[in-house]
Amino acid sequence: MNPDIIFIIICCVSVMIMIIYYSRRESKVLSVIFGAFTGVIALFILNRFNAEIPLNIFNISGSAVLGVPYVAGLVLLKYI
């Protein structure tokens, strides 16, 4: 299989998992907004303090969908 296709499949699966997670929450819209907001803010704070994590569309969308755990994973992968 082509690595690009595998990557797209993994991204789609993670988005579907987050949709299932947010659909089971009691306050759905508030949970989505809070998760996306905290993830994007964490990414911008790390970028502001020179954590050498680029602000590209992939990182911004990943932090908006997956939240702070995505940003923590980026930091771990950067410094491993």
Protein backbone atom coordinates (compact mmCIF):
# COMPACT_ATOMS: atom_id res chain seq x y z
CA MET A 1 0.00 0.00 0.00
CA ASN A 2 1.00 3.55 -0.61
CA PRO A 3 2.13 5.39 2.57
CA ASP A 4 -0.09 8.35 1.68
CA ILE A 5 -3.17 6.14 1.64
CA ILE A 6 -2.22 4.62 5.01
CA PHE A 7 -1.74 8.09 6.45
CA ILE A 8 -5.15 9.26 5.19
CA ILE A 9 -6.80 6.14 6.62
CA ILE A 10 -5.19 6.74 10.02
CA CYS A 11 -6.33 10.37 10.01
CA CYS A 12 -9.89 9.38 9.09
CA VAL A 13 -9.99 6.74 11.82
CA SER A 14 -8.79 9.20 14.46
CA VAL A 15 -11.42 11.75 13.37
CA MET A 16 -14.14 9.10 13.52
CA ILE A 17 -13.01 8.08 17.02
CA MET A 18 -13.23 11.70 18.16
CA ILE A 19 -16.70 12.06 16.60
CA ILE A 20 -17.87 8.98 18.51
CA TYR A 21 -16.30 10.31 21.69
CA TYR A 22 -17.91 13.74 21.38
CA SER A 23 -21.29 12.30 20.38
CA ARG A 24 -21.44 10.33 23.64
CA ARG A 25 -20.70 13.37 25.80
CA GLU A 26 -23.54 15.10 27.63
CA SER A 27 -22.70 18.59 26.38
CA LYS A 28 -21.55 17.84 22.86
CA VAL A 29 -20.96 21.30 21.43
CA LEU A 30 -19.24 22.62 24.53
CA SER A 31 -16.93 19.60 24.62
CA VAL A 32 -15.93 20.04 20.96
CA ILE A 33 -15.31 23.77 21.39
CA PHE A 34 -13.34 23.31 24.61
CA GLY A 35 -11.21 20.47 23.19
CA ALA A 36 -10.42 22.33 19.98
CA PHE A 37 -9.74 25.60 21.77
CA THR A 38 -7.36 24.10 24.33
CA GLY A 39 -5.50 22.13 21.67
CA VAL A 40 -4.96 25.13 19.38
CA ILE A 41 -4.03 27.42 22.29
CA ALA A 42 -1.49 24.86 23.55
CA LEU A 43 0.05 24.70 20.08
CA PHE A 44 0.27 28.49 19.84
CA ILE A 45 1.80 28.76 23.33
CA LEU A 46 4.46 26.20 22.45
CA ASN A 47 5.20 28.01 19.21
CA ARG A 48 5.43 31.33 21.08
CA PHE A 49 8.04 29.93 23.47
CA ASN A 50 10.20 28.45 20.68
CA ALA A 51 9.43 24.75 21.07
CA GLU A 52 10.43 24.36 17.39
CA ILE A 53 7.03 22.96 16.42
CA PRO A 54 5.93 24.51 13.13
CA LEU A 55 2.50 26.06 12.69
CA ASN A 56 1.32 24.35 9.55
CA ILE A 57 -2.16 23.26 8.52
CA PHE A 58 -1.52 19.66 9.62
CA ASN A 59 -0.50 20.61 13.17
CA ILE A 60 -3.29 23.15 13.58
CA SER A 61 -5.97 20.76 12.35
CA GLY A 62 -4.54 17.90 14.43
CA SER A 63 -4.57 19.99 17.58
CA ALA A 64 -8.10 21.19 16.80
CA VAL A 65 -9.42 17.65 16.32
CA LEU A 66 -7.46 15.75 18.98
CA GLY A 67 -6.75 18.56 21.45
CA VAL A 68 -3.95 18.76 23.98
CA PRO A 69 -2.92 15.07 23.71
CA TYR A 70 -1.96 15.70 20.07
CA VAL A 71 0.23 18.63 21.10
CA ALA A 72 1.80 16.56 23.87
CA GLY A 73 2.53 13.83 21.33
CA LEU A 74 4.18 16.39 19.05
CA VAL A 75 6.43 17.53 21.86
CA LEU A 76 7.36 13.96 22.73
CA LEU A 77 8.17 13.10 19.14
CA LYS A 78 10.18 16.29 18.74
CA TYR A 79 12.46 15.59 21.68
CA ILE A 80 12.86 11.82 21.32
